[in-house]
């Protein structure tokens, strides 16, 4: 399905129809869109949520993996209209991981050339990082954002202990600063949860079901 954002761009996604009007929106990670662009993607998520709210659906929760984890947390911080958020392997310190991907002298190169082309193993260009995109990432402060998440919003962070892309330390930092937070570490899981899909799914489903039940009880 295609949903327009506020910039007139087309957001493309898949809707898995069920008998329920309640839905969970899943946000995937980097290279699904652009490098940087964090708050803009949170605004895109808002456009999607508004679309479904106008279609007589109820968005019960949002879940994001990797960069998508950052996006759902930024959404919760900015819009404060959802009570269930799942952050799977998001990065707490966005200054980390840049040198590993772009090279130790990335600042000098991008200031000189205006961009850096990241190449794959065969030497082809995988993606381009502009100075604007890099600065967007460096300006995005997850500590500041997390402290603004409403205490009524339940947040689950899931992280693999063997994550080779984003350190487990990032998950521990989220646990320190998000007001209403639950942390689940999956032992031995890598960044993509290659051999731990079942535990990941069961952990997320259990958390969302429990949170929905608590919301129903509190509204009685």
C-alpha atoms as a PDB file:
ATOM      1  CA  UNK A   1       0.000   0.000   0.000  1.00  0.00           C
ATOM      2  CA  UNK A   2       1.052   3.609  -0.593  1.00  0.00           C
ATOM      3  CA  UNK A   3       0.556   6.463   1.889  1.00  0.00           C
ATOM      4  CA  UNK A   4       1.638  10.061   1.182  1.00  0.00           C
ATOM      5  CA  UNK A   5       3.715  11.936   3.761  1.00  0.00           C
ATOM      6  CA  UNK A   6       3.515  15.664   4.429  1.00  0.00           C
ATOM      7  CA  UNK A   7       6.236  16.311   1.830  1.00  0.00           C
ATOM      8  CA  UNK A   8       4.194  14.690  -0.938  1.00  0.00           C
ATOM      9  CA  UNK A   9       6.457  11.630  -1.022  1.00  0.00           C
ATOM     10  CA  UNK A  10       5.057   8.105  -1.239  1.00  0.00           C
ATOM     11  CA  UNK A  11       5.520   5.777   1.726  1.00  0.00           C
ATOM     12  CA  UNK A  12       5.268   2.143   0.662  1.00  0.00           C
ATOM     13  CA  UNK A  13       4.365  -0.665   3.049  1.00  0.00           C
ATOM     14  CA  UNK A  14       2.546  -3.955   3.458  1.00  0.00           C
ATOM     15  CA  UNK A  15      -0.702  -4.422   5.377  1.00  0.00           C
ATOM     16  CA  UNK A  16      -1.411  -7.904   6.705  1.00  0.00           C
ATOM     17  CA  UNK A  17      -5.189  -8.015   7.105  1.00  0.00           C
ATOM     18  CA  UNK A  18      -6.676  -9.813  10.106  1.00  0.00           C
ATOM     19  CA  UNK A  19     -10.127  -9.939  11.645  1.00  0.00           C
ATOM     20  CA  UNK A  20      -9.063  -7.344  14.208  1.00  0.00           C
ATOM     21  CA  UNK A  21      -9.081  -3.593  13.649  1.00  0.00           C
ATOM     22  CA  UNK A  22      -6.100  -3.277  15.986  1.00  0.00           C
ATOM     23  CA  UNK A  23      -2.748  -3.127  14.219  1.00  0.00           C
ATOM     24  CA  UNK A  24       0.944  -2.901  15.102  1.00  0.00           C
ATOM     25  CA  UNK A  25       3.156  -0.849  12.783  1.00  0.00           C
ATOM     26  CA  UNK A  26       6.625  -2.263  12.104  1.00  0.00           C
ATOM     27  CA  UNK A  27       9.502   0.027  11.086  1.00  0.00           C
ATOM     28  CA  UNK A  28      12.557  -1.538   9.495  1.00  0.00           C
ATOM     29  CA  UNK A  29      16.136  -0.312   9.689  1.00  0.00           C
ATOM     30  CA  UNK A  30      18.689   1.605   7.652  1.00  0.00           C
ATOM     31  CA  UNK A  31      18.840   1.432   3.857  1.00  0.00           C
ATOM     32  CA  UNK A  32      15.076   1.192   3.905  1.00  0.00           C
ATOM     33  CA  UNK A  33      15.398   4.943   3.380  1.00  0.00           C
ATOM     34  CA  UNK A  34      18.182   7.518   3.814  1.00  0.00           C
ATOM     35  CA  UNK A  35      21.177   7.851   6.128  1.00  0.00           C
ATOM     36  CA  UNK A  36      20.327  10.263   8.932  1.00  0.00           C
ATOM     37  CA  UNK A  37      16.794  11.613   8.555  1.00  0.00           C
ATOM     38  CA  UNK A  38      15.685  10.408  12.001  1.00  0.00           C
ATOM     39  CA  UNK A  39      13.017  12.949  12.932  1.00  0.00           C
ATOM     40  CA  UNK A  40      11.751  13.094   9.360  1.00  0.00           C
ATOM     41  CA  UNK A  41      11.154   9.353   9.497  1.00  0.00           C
ATOM     42  CA  UNK A  42       9.321   9.836  12.806  1.00  0.00           C
ATOM     43  CA  UNK A  43       7.103  12.317  10.953  1.00  0.00           C
ATOM     44  CA  UNK A  44       6.583   9.726   8.206  1.00  0.00           C
ATOM     45  CA  UNK A  45       5.479   7.255  10.876  1.00  0.00           C
ATOM     46  CA  UNK A  46       3.008   9.861  12.114  1.00  0.00           C
ATOM     47  CA  UNK A  47       1.541  10.097   8.601  1.00  0.00           C
ATOM     48  CA  UNK A  48       1.069   6.317   8.543  1.00  0.00           C
ATOM     49  CA  UNK A  49      -0.590   6.283  11.969  1.00  0.00           C
ATOM     50  CA  UNK A  50      -2.923   9.108  10.964  1.00  0.00           C
ATOM     51  CA  UNK A  51      -3.836   7.231   7.783  1.00  0.00           C
ATOM     52  CA  UNK A  52      -4.878   4.108   9.652  1.00  0.00           C
ATOM     53  CA  UNK A  53      -6.701   6.071  12.336  1.00  0.00           C
ATOM     54  CA  UNK A  54      -8.779   7.601   9.554  1.00  0.00           C
ATOM     55  CA  UNK A  55      -9.480   4.121   8.169  1.00  0.00           C
ATOM     56  CA  UNK A  56     -11.255   2.992  11.364  1.00  0.00           C
ATOM     57  CA  UNK A  57      -8.218   1.041  12.518  1.00  0.00           C
ATOM     58  CA  UNK A  58      -6.643   1.327  15.949  1.00  0.00           C
ATOM     59  CA  UNK A  59      -2.853   1.498  16.087  1.00  0.00           C
ATOM     60  CA  UNK A  60      -2.094  -0.381  19.300  1.00  0.00           C
ATOM     61  CA  UNK A  61       1.698  -0.342  19.168  1.00  0.00           C
ATOM     62  CA  UNK A  62       4.732   0.566  17.098  1.00  0.00           C
ATOM     63  CA  UNK A  63       7.868  -1.547  16.733  1.00  0.00           C
ATOM     64  CA  UNK A  64      11.173  -0.650  15.115  1.00  0.00           C
ATOM     65  CA  UNK A  65      14.354  -2.601  14.465  1.00  0.00           C
ATOM     66  CA  UNK A  66      17.829  -1.014  14.405  1.00  0.00           C
ATOM     67  CA  UNK A  67      17.372   2.508  12.994  1.00  0.00           C
ATOM     68  CA  UNK A  68      13.643   1.822  13.147  1.00  0.00           C
ATOM     69  CA  UNK A  69      14.057   1.406  16.909  1.00  0.00           C
ATOM     70  CA  UNK A  70      15.360   4.959  17.096  1.00  0.00           C
ATOM     71  CA  UNK A  71      12.485   6.175  14.945  1.00  0.00           C
ATOM     72  CA  UNK A  72       9.752   4.695  17.174  1.00  0.00           C
ATOM     73  CA  UNK A  73      11.399   6.169  20.282  1.00  0.00           C
ATOM     74  CA  UNK A  74      11.661   9.592  18.641  1.00  0.00           C
ATOM     75  CA  UNK A  75       8.015   9.259  17.633  1.00  0.00           C
ATOM     76  CA  UNK A  76       6.994   8.483  21.216  1.00  0.00           C
ATOM     77  CA  UNK A  77       9.011  11.467  22.416  1.00  0.00           C
ATOM     78  CA  UNK A  78       7.555  13.918  19.901  1.00  0.00           C
ATOM     79  CA  UNK A  79       3.919  12.872  19.497  1.00  0.00           C
ATOM     80  CA  UNK A  80       3.043  11.124  22.794  1.00  0.00           C
ATOM     81  CA  UNK A  81      -0.153   9.574  21.418  1.00  0.00           C
ATOM     82  CA  UNK A  82       0.701   5.861  21.749  1.00  0.00           C
ATOM     83  CA  UNK A  83       1.181   3.829  24.908  1.00  0.00           C
ATOM     84  CA  UNK A  84       3.083   0.782  23.621  1.00  0.00           C
ATOM     85  CA  UNK A  85       6.497   1.034  21.908  1.00  0.00           C
ATOM     86  CA  UNK A  86       8.991  -1.725  21.104  1.00  0.00           C
ATOM     87  CA  UNK A  87      12.621  -0.853  20.369  1.00  0.00           C
ATOM     88  CA  UNK A  88      14.516  -3.793  18.874  1.00  0.00           C
ATOM     89  CA  UNK A  89      18.282  -3.228  18.711  1.00  0.00           C
ATOM     90  CA  UNK A  90      18.134   0.553  18.455  1.00  0.00           C
ATOM     91  CA  UNK A  91      21.275   2.666  18.913  1.00  0.00           C
ATOM     92  CA  UNK A  92      21.457   4.923  21.968  1.00  0.00           C
ATOM     93  CA  UNK A  93      24.591   6.891  21.072  1.00  0.00           C
ATOM     94  CA  UNK A  94      24.317   7.893  17.416  1.00  0.00           C
ATOM     95  CA  UNK A  95      27.924   9.066  17.374  1.00  0.00           C
ATOM     96  CA  UNK A  96      28.989   5.435  17.690  1.00  0.00           C
ATOM     97  CA  UNK A  97      29.400   3.211  14.655  1.00  0.00           C
ATOM     98  CA  UNK A  98      30.120   6.019  12.194  1.00  0.00           C
ATOM     99  CA  UNK A  99      33.892   5.600  11.948  1.00  0.00           C
ATOM    100  CA  UNK A 100      33.502   1.842  11.518  1.00  0.00           C
ATOM    101  CA  UNK A 101      31.206   2.412   8.532  1.00  0.00           C
ATOM    102  CA  UNK A 102      32.675   5.589   6.997  1.00  0.00           C
ATOM    103  CA  UNK A 103      36.337   5.448   8.062  1.00  0.00           C
ATOM    104  CA  UNK A 104      38.276   7.190  10.835  1.00  0.00           C
ATOM    105  CA  UNK A 105      38.774  10.378   8.783  1.00  0.00           C
ATOM    106  CA  UNK A 106      35.114  10.703   7.764  1.00  0.00           C
ATOM    107  CA  UNK A 107      34.780  14.299   8.993  1.00  0.00           C
ATOM    108  CA  UNK A 108      37.709  15.544   6.895  1.00  0.00           C
ATOM    109  CA  UNK A 109      36.553  13.690   3.776  1.00  0.00           C
ATOM    110  CA  UNK A 110      32.944  14.793   3.974  1.00  0.00           C
ATOM    111  CA  UNK A 111      33.938  18.416   4.636  1.00  0.00           C
ATOM    112  CA  UNK A 112      36.179  18.326   1.559  1.00  0.00           C
ATOM    113  CA  UNK A 113      33.990  16.371  -0.870  1.00  0.00           C
ATOM    114  CA  UNK A 114      30.509  16.996   0.541  1.00  0.00           C
ATOM    115  CA  UNK A 115      29.784  13.267   0.674  1.00  0.00           C
ATOM    116  CA  UNK A 116      31.214   9.807   1.256  1.00  0.00           C
ATOM    117  CA  UNK A 117      30.393   6.822  -0.934  1.00  0.00           C
ATOM    118  CA  UNK A 118      30.243   3.607   1.075  1.00  0.00           C
ATOM    119  CA  UNK A 119      31.248   0.642  -1.036  1.00  0.00           C
ATOM    120  CA  UNK A 120      30.330  -3.027  -0.788  1.00  0.00           C
ATOM    121  CA  UNK A 121      32.726  -5.979  -0.906  1.00  0.00           C
ATOM    122  CA  UNK A 122      32.806  -5.959  -4.708  1.00  0.00           C
ATOM    123  CA  UNK A 123      33.730  -2.272  -4.874  1.00  0.00           C
ATOM    124  CA  UNK A 124      30.319  -1.044  -5.976  1.00  0.00           C
ATOM    125  CA  UNK A 125      28.698   1.942  -4.279  1.00  0.00           C
ATOM    126  CA  UNK A 126      26.258   0.688  -1.651  1.00  0.00           C
ATOM    127  CA  UNK A 127      24.991   4.104  -0.564  1.00  0.00           C
ATOM    128  CA  UNK A 128      26.060   7.750  -0.339  1.00  0.00           C
ATOM    129  CA  UNK A 129      26.285   9.754   2.873  1.00  0.00           C
ATOM    130  CA  UNK A 130      26.000  13.523   2.445  1.00  0.00           C
ATOM    131  CA  UNK A 131      27.269  16.092   4.925  1.00  0.00           C
ATOM    132  CA  UNK A 132      23.673  17.097   5.661  1.00  0.00           C
ATOM    133  CA  UNK A 133      22.699  13.498   6.458  1.00  0.00           C
ATOM    134  CA  UNK A 134      25.730  13.003   8.683  1.00  0.00           C
ATOM    135  CA  UNK A 135      25.027  16.203  10.610  1.00  0.00           C
ATOM    136  CA  UNK A 136      21.398  15.124  11.043  1.00  0.00           C
ATOM    137  CA  UNK A 137      22.570  11.930  12.711  1.00  0.00           C
ATOM    138  CA  UNK A 138      25.093  13.718  14.925  1.00  0.00           C
ATOM    139  CA  UNK A 139      22.456  16.252  16.035  1.00  0.00           C
ATOM    140  CA  UNK A 140      19.938  13.571  17.030  1.00  0.00           C
ATOM    141  CA  UNK A 141      20.126  13.261  20.818  1.00  0.00           C
ATOM    142  CA  UNK A 142      18.509  10.044  22.048  1.00  0.00           C
ATOM    143  CA  UNK A 143      19.010  10.939  25.722  1.00  0.00           C
ATOM    144  CA  UNK A 144      17.070  14.171  25.307  1.00  0.00           C
ATOM    145  CA  UNK A 145      14.342  12.365  23.351  1.00  0.00           C
ATOM    146  CA  UNK A 146      13.991   9.438  25.751  1.00  0.00           C
ATOM    147  CA  UNK A 147      13.565  11.720  28.752  1.00  0.00           C
ATOM    148  CA  UNK A 148      10.537  13.267  27.004  1.00  0.00           C
ATOM    149  CA  UNK A 149       8.697   9.956  26.554  1.00  0.00           C
ATOM    150  CA  UNK A 150       5.524  10.009  28.636  1.00  0.00           C
ATOM    151  CA  UNK A 151       5.670   7.829  31.749  1.00  0.00           C
ATOM    152  CA  UNK A 152       2.348   6.256  30.724  1.00  0.00           C
ATOM    153  CA  UNK A 153       3.986   4.929  27.553  1.00  0.00           C
ATOM    154  CA  UNK A 154       5.281   1.392  28.057  1.00  0.00           C
ATOM    155  CA  UNK A 155       8.556   0.765  26.235  1.00  0.00           C
ATOM    156  CA  UNK A 156      10.222  -2.595  25.634  1.00  0.00           C
ATOM    157  CA  UNK A 157      13.831  -2.760  24.474  1.00  0.00           C
ATOM    158  CA  UNK A 158      15.024  -6.079  23.045  1.00  0.00           C
ATOM    159  CA  UNK A 159      18.698  -6.605  22.230  1.00  0.00           C
ATOM    160  CA  UNK A 160      20.892  -9.540  21.319  1.00  0.00           C
ATOM    161  CA  UNK A 161      23.873 -10.243  23.553  1.00  0.00           C
ATOM    162  CA  UNK A 162      25.957 -11.080  20.460  1.00  0.00           C
ATOM    163  CA  UNK A 163      24.884  -8.061  18.386  1.00  0.00           C
ATOM    164  CA  UNK A 164      27.784  -7.336  16.042  1.00  0.00           C
ATOM    165  CA  UNK A 165      26.437  -3.983  14.812  1.00  0.00           C
ATOM    166  CA  UNK A 166      25.130  -2.193  17.909  1.00  0.00           C
ATOM    167  CA  UNK A 167      26.583  -2.916  21.335  1.00  0.00           C
ATOM    168  CA  UNK A 168      24.432  -4.321  24.107  1.00  0.00           C
ATOM    169  CA  UNK A 169      25.614  -1.274  26.097  1.00  0.00           C
ATOM    170  CA  UNK A 170      23.177   0.831  24.078  1.00  0.00           C
ATOM    171  CA  UNK A 171      20.251  -1.233  25.378  1.00  0.00           C
ATOM    172  CA  UNK A 172      21.476  -0.785  28.947  1.00  0.00           C
ATOM    173  CA  UNK A 173      21.598   2.994  28.436  1.00  0.00           C
ATOM    174  CA  UNK A 174      17.996   3.043  27.187  1.00  0.00           C
ATOM    175  CA  UNK A 175      16.989   1.139  30.326  1.00  0.00           C
ATOM    176  CA  UNK A 176      18.517   3.872  32.504  1.00  0.00           C
ATOM    177  CA  UNK A 177      16.678   6.832  31.009  1.00  0.00           C
ATOM    178  CA  UNK A 178      13.282   5.774  29.594  1.00  0.00           C
ATOM    179  CA  UNK A 179      10.651   6.346  32.325  1.00  0.00           C
ATOM    180  CA  UNK A 180       8.464   3.238  31.877  1.00  0.00           C
ATOM    181  CA  UNK A 181      10.839   0.652  30.481  1.00  0.00           C
ATOM    182  CA  UNK A 182      11.371  -3.087  30.273  1.00  0.00           C
ATOM    183  CA  UNK A 183      14.606  -4.645  28.982  1.00  0.00           C
ATOM    184  CA  UNK A 184      14.928  -8.123  27.487  1.00  0.00           C
ATOM    185  CA  UNK A 185      18.330  -9.454  26.421  1.00  0.00           C
ATOM    186  CA  UNK A 186      18.298 -12.451  24.080  1.00  0.00           C
ATOM    187  CA  UNK A 187      21.389 -14.503  24.802  1.00  0.00           C
ATOM    188  CA  UNK A 188      23.477 -15.309  21.735  1.00  0.00           C
ATOM    189  CA  UNK A 189      21.343 -13.296  19.317  1.00  0.00           C
ATOM    190  CA  UNK A 190      23.035 -11.242  16.592  1.00  0.00           C
ATOM    191  CA  UNK A 191      21.754  -7.970  15.129  1.00  0.00           C
ATOM    192  CA  UNK A 192      19.378  -9.723  12.748  1.00  0.00           C
ATOM    193  CA  UNK A 193      18.248 -12.376  15.276  1.00  0.00           C
ATOM    194  CA  UNK A 194      19.112 -14.968  12.634  1.00  0.00           C
ATOM    195  CA  UNK A 195      18.806 -17.959  14.971  1.00  0.00           C
ATOM    196  CA  UNK A 196      16.519 -16.351  17.555  1.00  0.00           C
ATOM    197  CA  UNK A 197      13.410 -15.329  15.608  1.00  0.00           C
ATOM    198  CA  UNK A 198      11.067 -17.399  17.778  1.00  0.00           C
ATOM    199  CA  UNK A 199      12.261 -15.912  21.077  1.00  0.00           C
ATOM    200  CA  UNK A 200      12.151 -12.408  19.607  1.00  0.00           C
ATOM    201  CA  UNK A 201       8.579 -12.864  18.370  1.00  0.00           C
ATOM    202  CA  UNK A 202       7.324 -14.446  21.591  1.00  0.00           C
ATOM    203  CA  UNK A 203       8.940 -11.723  23.724  1.00  0.00           C
ATOM    204  CA  UNK A 204       7.355  -8.942  21.685  1.00  0.00           C
ATOM    205  CA  UNK A 205       3.908 -10.556  21.492  1.00  0.00           C
ATOM    206  CA  UNK A 206       3.873 -11.256  25.236  1.00  0.00           C
ATOM    207  CA  UNK A 207       4.829  -7.651  26.033  1.00  0.00           C
ATOM    208  CA  UNK A 208       2.223  -6.108  23.730  1.00  0.00           C
ATOM    209  CA  UNK A 209      -0.542  -8.455  24.923  1.00  0.00           C
ATOM    210  CA  UNK A 210       0.270  -7.718  28.563  1.00  0.00           C
ATOM    211  CA  UNK A 211       0.366  -3.957  27.962  1.00  0.00           C
ATOM    212  CA  UNK A 212      -2.977  -4.024  26.140  1.00  0.00           C
ATOM    213  CA  UNK A 213      -4.515  -6.014  28.993  1.00  0.00           C
ATOM    214  CA  UNK A 214      -3.215  -3.514  31.538  1.00  0.00           C
ATOM    215  CA  UNK A 215      -4.670  -0.656  29.514  1.00  0.00           C
ATOM    216  CA  UNK A 216      -8.071  -2.382  29.431  1.00  0.00           C
ATOM    217  CA  UNK A 217      -7.994  -2.974  33.186  1.00  0.00           C
ATOM    218  CA  UNK A 218      -7.039   0.629  33.923  1.00  0.00           C
ATOM    219  CA  UNK A 219      -9.874   1.961  31.742  1.00  0.00           C
ATOM    220  CA  UNK A 220     -12.563   0.026  33.638  1.00  0.00           C
END
